[in-house]
Amino acid sequence: MNSVLKRFAGFRSVAAILKDRGLTKDQKRTALMSWRFLLMQSPAASVDADDRLEKLQEIEHALVVLDKT
């Protein structure tokens, strides 16, 4: 998992992952899933609950968009 996280660490947003033409659909899914995993595992004190929910919803929406492409 660490190698996956390092590989996708340079992306600043969910939209940047979706727009990247150098990534395959599977790589985009892997990046989004790793971000979701990180948010779910991060200590509650390190991420505001509202911000966490917003980011998770953004990731879930991106996964739906990815499925439709």
C-alpha atoms as a PDB file:
ATOM      1  CA  MET A   1       0.000   0.000   0.000  1.00  0.00           C
ATOM      2  CA  ASN A   2       2.861   2.418   0.729  1.00  0.00           C
ATOM      3  CA  SER A   3       4.138   2.234  -2.844  1.00  0.00           C
ATOM      4  CA  VAL A   4       0.637   3.020  -4.123  1.00  0.00           C
ATOM      5  CA  LEU A   5       0.352   6.024  -1.819  1.00  0.00           C
ATOM      6  CA  LYS A   6       3.757   7.347  -2.887  1.00  0.00           C
ATOM      7  CA  ARG A   7       2.884   6.925  -6.565  1.00  0.00           C
ATOM      8  CA  PHE A   8      -0.244   9.092  -6.286  1.00  0.00           C
ATOM      9  CA  ALA A   9       0.988  11.560  -3.655  1.00  0.00           C
ATOM     10  CA  GLY A  10       1.722  14.285  -6.221  1.00  0.00           C
ATOM     11  CA  PHE A  11      -1.898  14.865  -7.144  1.00  0.00           C
ATOM     12  CA  ARG A  12      -3.502  17.888  -5.530  1.00  0.00           C
ATOM     13  CA  SER A  13      -7.146  17.044  -6.123  1.00  0.00           C
ATOM     14  CA  VAL A  14      -9.598  14.363  -7.128  1.00  0.00           C
ATOM     15  CA  ALA A  15     -10.241  16.282 -10.342  1.00  0.00           C
ATOM     16  CA  ALA A  16      -6.527  16.213 -11.171  1.00  0.00           C
ATOM     17  CA  ILE A  17      -6.563  12.431 -10.980  1.00  0.00           C
ATOM     18  CA  LEU A  18      -9.598  12.162 -13.246  1.00  0.00           C
ATOM     19  CA  LYS A  19      -8.115  14.570 -15.805  1.00  0.00           C
ATOM     20  CA  ASP A  20      -4.670  12.989 -15.976  1.00  0.00           C
ATOM     21  CA  ARG A  21      -4.317  11.418 -19.422  1.00  0.00           C
ATOM     22  CA  GLY A  22      -1.227   9.494 -18.372  1.00  0.00           C
ATOM     23  CA  LEU A  23      -3.177   7.300 -15.961  1.00  0.00           C
ATOM     24  CA  THR A  24      -5.250   4.330 -16.980  1.00  0.00           C
ATOM     25  CA  LYS A  25      -8.776   3.912 -15.640  1.00  0.00           C
ATOM     26  CA  ASP A  26      -7.492   1.259 -13.224  1.00  0.00           C
ATOM     27  CA  GLN A  27      -4.712   3.555 -11.987  1.00  0.00           C
ATOM     28  CA  LYS A  28      -7.211   6.350 -11.403  1.00  0.00           C
ATOM     29  CA  ARG A  29      -9.427   3.967  -9.443  1.00  0.00           C
ATOM     30  CA  THR A  30      -6.429   2.816  -7.387  1.00  0.00           C
ATOM     31  CA  ALA A  31      -5.471   6.418  -6.603  1.00  0.00           C
ATOM     32  CA  LEU A  32      -8.997   7.336  -5.545  1.00  0.00           C
ATOM     33  CA  MET A  33      -9.373   4.205  -3.430  1.00  0.00           C
ATOM     34  CA  SER A  34      -6.034   4.888  -1.709  1.00  0.00           C
ATOM     35  CA  TRP A  35      -7.122   8.448  -0.896  1.00  0.00           C
ATOM     36  CA  ARG A  36     -10.394   7.111   0.496  1.00  0.00           C
ATOM     37  CA  PHE A  37      -8.478   4.584   2.598  1.00  0.00           C
ATOM     38  CA  LEU A  38      -6.198   7.310   3.970  1.00  0.00           C
ATOM     39  CA  LEU A  39      -9.148   9.503   4.938  1.00  0.00           C
ATOM     40  CA  MET A  40     -10.869   6.620   6.673  1.00  0.00           C
ATOM     41  CA  GLN A  41      -7.707   5.711   8.593  1.00  0.00           C
ATOM     42  CA  SER A  42      -6.592   9.199   9.598  1.00  0.00           C
ATOM     43  CA  PRO A  43      -7.095  10.129  13.247  1.00  0.00           C
ATOM     44  CA  ALA A  44     -10.249  12.159  13.872  1.00  0.00           C
ATOM     45  CA  ALA A  45      -8.209  14.985  15.360  1.00  0.00           C
ATOM     46  CA  SER A  46      -6.144  15.412  12.183  1.00  0.00           C
ATOM     47  CA  VAL A  47      -9.084  15.967   9.801  1.00  0.00           C
ATOM     48  CA  ASP A  48     -12.183  18.044  10.502  1.00  0.00           C
ATOM     49  CA  ALA A  49     -15.304  15.837  10.344  1.00  0.00           C
ATOM     50  CA  ASP A  50     -17.070  18.077   7.820  1.00  0.00           C
ATOM     51  CA  ASP A  51     -13.964  18.267   5.649  1.00  0.00           C
ATOM     52  CA  ARG A  52     -13.542  14.500   5.824  1.00  0.00           C
ATOM     53  CA  LEU A  53     -17.161  13.929   4.762  1.00  0.00           C
ATOM     54  CA  GLU A  54     -16.837  16.412   1.897  1.00  0.00           C
ATOM     55  CA  LYS A  55     -13.650  14.741   0.633  1.00  0.00           C
ATOM     56  CA  LEU A  56     -15.162  11.274   0.891  1.00  0.00           C
ATOM     57  CA  GLN A  57     -18.215  12.412  -1.065  1.00  0.00           C
ATOM     58  CA  GLU A  58     -15.961  13.948  -3.700  1.00  0.00           C
ATOM     59  CA  ILE A  59     -14.060  10.672  -4.030  1.00  0.00           C
ATOM     60  CA  GLU A  60     -17.254   8.629  -4.237  1.00  0.00           C
ATOM     61  CA  HIS A  61     -18.615  10.932  -6.943  1.00  0.00           C
ATOM     62  CA  ALA A  62     -15.348  10.621  -8.884  1.00  0.00           C
ATOM     63  CA  LEU A  63     -15.562   6.833  -8.710  1.00  0.00           C
ATOM     64  CA  VAL A  64     -19.077   6.987 -10.163  1.00  0.00           C
ATOM     65  CA  VAL A  65     -17.870   9.290 -12.945  1.00  0.00           C
ATOM     66  CA  LEU A  66     -14.985   6.935 -13.628  1.00  0.00           C
ATOM     67  CA  ASP A  67     -17.382   3.989 -13.944  1.00  0.00           C
ATOM     68  CA  LYS A  68     -19.352   5.862 -16.591  1.00  0.00           C
ATOM     69  CA  THR A  69     -16.325   6.497 -18.815  1.00  0.00           C
END
